[in-house]
Amino acid sequence: MAQGRRVTRVAALIKRELGRMLSGQLRDERLTRSIITITAVEVSGDLQNCKVFVSLYGGEEAGKEEALNGLKAASGFLRSQLSRRLELRRCPKLWFHQDRSTEAATTVLGLLERLQGESPAQEEDLGSSG
């Protein structure tokens, strides 16, 4: 039980510190073309690996892919900074993944709004023809 709490706490700390670092400490041009938001962090039970899920906003798909590649390239630097900031003896290896759930939710909401906008017009057409 204590191990699960430690993993959860380390994940929360990593998410917070990575957010701070991404908000202005990295100078890689690939990372400045998109707005990067950390949506989730999953740390393995042995604290050796950490999946970092990010949402990338702005720009085209190629720019988002570039930003993700920039994060992957900076993972060693970010890991060393996390180790210092969090005073972890062994900092987990960082694996960055694009989180597309926000994009999917936006698409679904757009479709629902479009359907909702079409419904009253269809009801009027049906009512006037009868």
C-alpha atoms as a PDB file:
ATOM      1  CA  MET A   1       0.000   0.000   0.000  1.00  0.00           C
ATOM      2  CA  ALA A   2       2.801   2.415   0.892  1.00  0.00           C
ATOM      3  CA  GLN A   3       4.472   1.640  -2.445  1.00  0.00           C
ATOM      4  CA  GLY A   4       1.328   2.755  -4.324  1.00  0.00           C
ATOM      5  CA  ARG A   5       1.204   6.031  -2.422  1.00  0.00           C
ATOM      6  CA  ARG A   6       4.863   6.694  -3.150  1.00  0.00           C
ATOM      7  CA  VAL A   7       4.360   6.064  -6.880  1.00  0.00           C
ATOM      8  CA  THR A   8       1.338   8.389  -6.913  1.00  0.00           C
ATOM      9  CA  ARG A   9       3.240  11.084  -5.035  1.00  0.00           C
ATOM     10  CA  VAL A  10       6.298  10.830  -7.307  1.00  0.00           C
ATOM     11  CA  ALA A  11       4.029  11.040 -10.388  1.00  0.00           C
ATOM     12  CA  ALA A  12       2.379  14.211  -9.043  1.00  0.00           C
ATOM     13  CA  LEU A  13       5.762  15.776  -8.266  1.00  0.00           C
ATOM     14  CA  ILE A  14       7.108  14.924 -11.713  1.00  0.00           C
ATOM     15  CA  LYS A  15       4.026  16.410 -13.376  1.00  0.00           C
ATOM     16  CA  ARG A  16       4.349  19.634 -11.380  1.00  0.00           C
ATOM     17  CA  GLU A  17       8.078  20.086 -11.969  1.00  0.00           C
ATOM     18  CA  LEU A  18       7.951  19.177 -15.664  1.00  0.00           C
ATOM     19  CA  GLY A  19       5.178  21.735 -16.088  1.00  0.00           C
ATOM     20  CA  ARG A  20       7.369  24.376 -14.510  1.00  0.00           C
ATOM     21  CA  MET A  21      10.352  23.452 -16.662  1.00  0.00           C
ATOM     22  CA  LEU A  22       8.331  23.417 -19.886  1.00  0.00           C
ATOM     23  CA  SER A  23       6.858  26.825 -19.131  1.00  0.00           C
ATOM     24  CA  GLY A  24      10.100  28.597 -19.802  1.00  0.00           C
ATOM     25  CA  GLN A  25      13.350  26.802 -19.107  1.00  0.00           C
ATOM     26  CA  LEU A  26      13.823  24.956 -22.375  1.00  0.00           C
ATOM     27  CA  ARG A  27      15.262  26.889 -25.280  1.00  0.00           C
ATOM     28  CA  ASP A  28      14.665  24.293 -28.005  1.00  0.00           C
ATOM     29  CA  GLU A  29      12.944  26.042 -30.916  1.00  0.00           C
ATOM     30  CA  ARG A  30      10.843  22.942 -31.625  1.00  0.00           C
ATOM     31  CA  LEU A  31       9.175  23.366 -28.244  1.00  0.00           C
ATOM     32  CA  THR A  32       8.202  27.000 -28.750  1.00  0.00           C
ATOM     33  CA  ARG A  33       6.010  26.375 -31.815  1.00  0.00           C
ATOM     34  CA  SER A  34       3.292  24.590 -29.846  1.00  0.00           C
ATOM     35  CA  ILE A  35       1.688  25.035 -26.469  1.00  0.00           C
ATOM     36  CA  ILE A  36       2.584  21.964 -24.436  1.00  0.00           C
ATOM     37  CA  THR A  37       0.377  20.782 -21.589  1.00  0.00           C
ATOM     38  CA  ILE A  38       1.130  17.761 -19.449  1.00  0.00           C
ATOM     39  CA  THR A  39      -2.132  15.848 -19.130  1.00  0.00           C
ATOM     40  CA  ALA A  40      -1.013  12.768 -17.203  1.00  0.00           C
ATOM     41  CA  VAL A  41       2.022  11.078 -15.717  1.00  0.00           C
ATOM     42  CA  GLU A  42       2.234   7.332 -15.077  1.00  0.00           C
ATOM     43  CA  VAL A  43       5.163   6.024 -13.055  1.00  0.00           C
ATOM     44  CA  SER A  44       5.949   2.308 -12.960  1.00  0.00           C
ATOM     45  CA  GLY A  45       5.791   0.516  -9.616  1.00  0.00           C
ATOM     46  CA  ASP A  46       9.584   0.155  -9.480  1.00  0.00           C
ATOM     47  CA  LEU A  47      10.024   3.905 -10.230  1.00  0.00           C
ATOM     48  CA  GLN A  48      12.237   3.093 -13.224  1.00  0.00           C
ATOM     49  CA  ASN A  49      10.012   4.375 -16.037  1.00  0.00           C
ATOM     50  CA  CYS A  50       7.647   7.286 -16.402  1.00  0.00           C
ATOM     51  CA  LYS A  51       5.145   7.830 -19.220  1.00  0.00           C
ATOM     52  CA  VAL A  52       4.402  11.521 -19.709  1.00  0.00           C
ATOM     53  CA  PHE A  53       1.289  12.294 -21.748  1.00  0.00           C
ATOM     54  CA  VAL A  54       1.226  15.729 -23.365  1.00  0.00           C
ATOM     55  CA  SER A  55      -1.343  17.695 -25.340  1.00  0.00           C
ATOM     56  CA  LEU A  56       0.093  19.872 -28.077  1.00  0.00           C
ATOM     57  CA  TYR A  57      -1.892  22.926 -29.170  1.00  0.00           C
ATOM     58  CA  GLY A  58      -1.333  25.288 -32.055  1.00  0.00           C
ATOM     59  CA  GLY A  59       0.364  24.811 -35.344  1.00  0.00           C
ATOM     60  CA  GLU A  60       0.018  22.015 -37.836  1.00  0.00           C
ATOM     61  CA  GLU A  61       0.400  18.284 -37.267  1.00  0.00           C
ATOM     62  CA  ALA A  62       4.022  18.426 -38.456  1.00  0.00           C
ATOM     63  CA  GLY A  63       4.771  21.094 -35.831  1.00  0.00           C
ATOM     64  CA  LYS A  64       3.209  18.951 -33.121  1.00  0.00           C
ATOM     65  CA  GLU A  65       5.314  15.977 -34.185  1.00  0.00           C
ATOM     66  CA  GLU A  66       8.381  18.226 -34.099  1.00  0.00           C
ATOM     67  CA  ALA A  67       7.505  19.364 -30.576  1.00  0.00           C
ATOM     68  CA  LEU A  68       7.111  15.757 -29.447  1.00  0.00           C
ATOM     69  CA  ASN A  69      10.502  14.918 -30.964  1.00  0.00           C
ATOM     70  CA  GLY A  70      11.963  17.929 -29.144  1.00  0.00           C
ATOM     71  CA  LEU A  71      10.607  16.623 -25.846  1.00  0.00           C
ATOM     72  CA  LYS A  72      12.069  13.202 -26.541  1.00  0.00           C
ATOM     73  CA  ALA A  73      15.437  14.784 -27.349  1.00  0.00           C
ATOM     74  CA  ALA A  74      15.342  16.787 -24.105  1.00  0.00           C
ATOM     75  CA  SER A  75      14.307  13.825 -21.938  1.00  0.00           C
ATOM     76  CA  GLY A  76      17.823  13.237 -20.604  1.00  0.00           C
ATOM     77  CA  PHE A  77      18.216  16.874 -19.583  1.00  0.00           C
ATOM     78  CA  LEU A  78      14.724  16.932 -18.056  1.00  0.00           C
ATOM     79  CA  ARG A  79      15.463  13.735 -16.143  1.00  0.00           C
ATOM     80  CA  SER A  80      18.667  15.149 -14.662  1.00  0.00           C
ATOM     81  CA  GLN A  81      16.884  18.364 -13.661  1.00  0.00           C
ATOM     82  CA  LEU A  82      14.056  16.395 -12.056  1.00  0.00           C
ATOM     83  CA  SER A  83      16.562  14.325 -10.111  1.00  0.00           C
ATOM     84  CA  ARG A  84      18.103  17.489  -8.666  1.00  0.00           C
ATOM     85  CA  ARG A  85      14.838  19.315  -7.990  1.00  0.00           C
ATOM     86  CA  LEU A  86      13.029  16.381  -6.422  1.00  0.00           C
ATOM     87  CA  GLU A  87      16.137  15.019  -4.710  1.00  0.00           C
ATOM     88  CA  LEU A  88      15.478  11.546  -6.030  1.00  0.00           C
ATOM     89  CA  ARG A  89      18.279   9.044  -5.785  1.00  0.00           C
ATOM     90  CA  ARG A  90      17.117   7.428  -9.028  1.00  0.00           C
ATOM     91  CA  CYS A  91      14.879   9.412 -11.313  1.00  0.00           C
ATOM     92  CA  PRO A  92      12.651   7.418 -13.693  1.00  0.00           C
ATOM     93  CA  LYS A  93      13.384   7.415 -17.400  1.00  0.00           C
ATOM     94  CA  LEU A  94      10.947   9.735 -19.196  1.00  0.00           C
ATOM     95  CA  TRP A  95       8.879   8.527 -22.149  1.00  0.00           C
ATOM     96  CA  PHE A  96       6.793  11.199 -23.883  1.00  0.00           C
ATOM     97  CA  HIS A  97       3.507  10.339 -25.628  1.00  0.00           C
ATOM     98  CA  GLN A  98       1.033  12.623 -27.358  1.00  0.00           C
ATOM     99  CA  ASP A  99      -2.356  12.620 -25.651  1.00  0.00           C
ATOM    100  CA  ARG A 100      -5.028  12.947 -28.314  1.00  0.00           C
ATOM    101  CA  SER A 101      -8.002  12.679 -25.955  1.00  0.00           C
ATOM    102  CA  THR A 102      -8.531  16.457 -25.963  1.00  0.00           C
ATOM    103  CA  GLU A 103      -8.609  16.530 -29.759  1.00  0.00           C
ATOM    104  CA  ALA A 104     -11.082  13.637 -29.809  1.00  0.00           C
ATOM    105  CA  ALA A 105     -13.310  15.351 -27.243  1.00  0.00           C
ATOM    106  CA  THR A 106     -13.279  18.583 -29.261  1.00  0.00           C
ATOM    107  CA  THR A 107     -14.263  16.681 -32.404  1.00  0.00           C
ATOM    108  CA  VAL A 108     -17.135  14.912 -30.624  1.00  0.00           C
ATOM    109  CA  LEU A 109     -18.393  18.176 -29.122  1.00  0.00           C
ATOM    110  CA  GLY A 110     -18.290  19.826 -32.540  1.00  0.00           C
ATOM    111  CA  LEU A 111     -20.314  16.991 -34.045  1.00  0.00           C
ATOM    112  CA  LEU A 112     -22.864  17.166 -31.230  1.00  0.00           C
ATOM    113  CA  GLU A 113     -23.251  20.926 -31.660  1.00  0.00           C
ATOM    114  CA  ARG A 114     -23.716  20.500 -35.390  1.00  0.00           C
ATOM    115  CA  LEU A 115     -26.367  17.821 -34.847  1.00  0.00           C
ATOM    116  CA  GLN A 116     -28.112  19.966 -32.266  1.00  0.00           C
ATOM    117  CA  GLY A 117     -28.179  22.883 -34.706  1.00  0.00           C
ATOM    118  CA  GLU A 118     -29.698  20.703 -37.442  1.00  0.00           C
ATOM    119  CA  SER A 119     -32.433  19.142 -35.266  1.00  0.00           C
ATOM    120  CA  PRO A 120     -34.790  22.171 -34.903  1.00  0.00           C
ATOM    121  CA  ALA A 121     -34.685  22.878 -38.641  1.00  0.00           C
ATOM    122  CA  GLN A 122     -35.548  19.254 -39.431  1.00  0.00           C
ATOM    123  CA  GLU A 123     -38.450  19.276 -36.948  1.00  0.00           C
ATOM    124  CA  GLU A 124     -39.886  22.429 -38.557  1.00  0.00           C
ATOM    125  CA  ASP A 125     -39.671  20.827 -42.004  1.00  0.00           C
ATOM    126  CA  LEU A 126     -41.499  17.732 -40.767  1.00  0.00           C
ATOM    127  CA  GLY A 127     -44.183  19.792 -38.990  1.00  0.00           C
ATOM    128  CA  SER A 128     -44.992  22.006 -41.983  1.00  0.00           C
ATOM    129  CA  SER A 129     -45.259  19.134 -44.471  1.00  0.00           C
ATOM    130  CA  GLY A 130     -47.989  17.290 -42.532  1.00  0.00           C
END
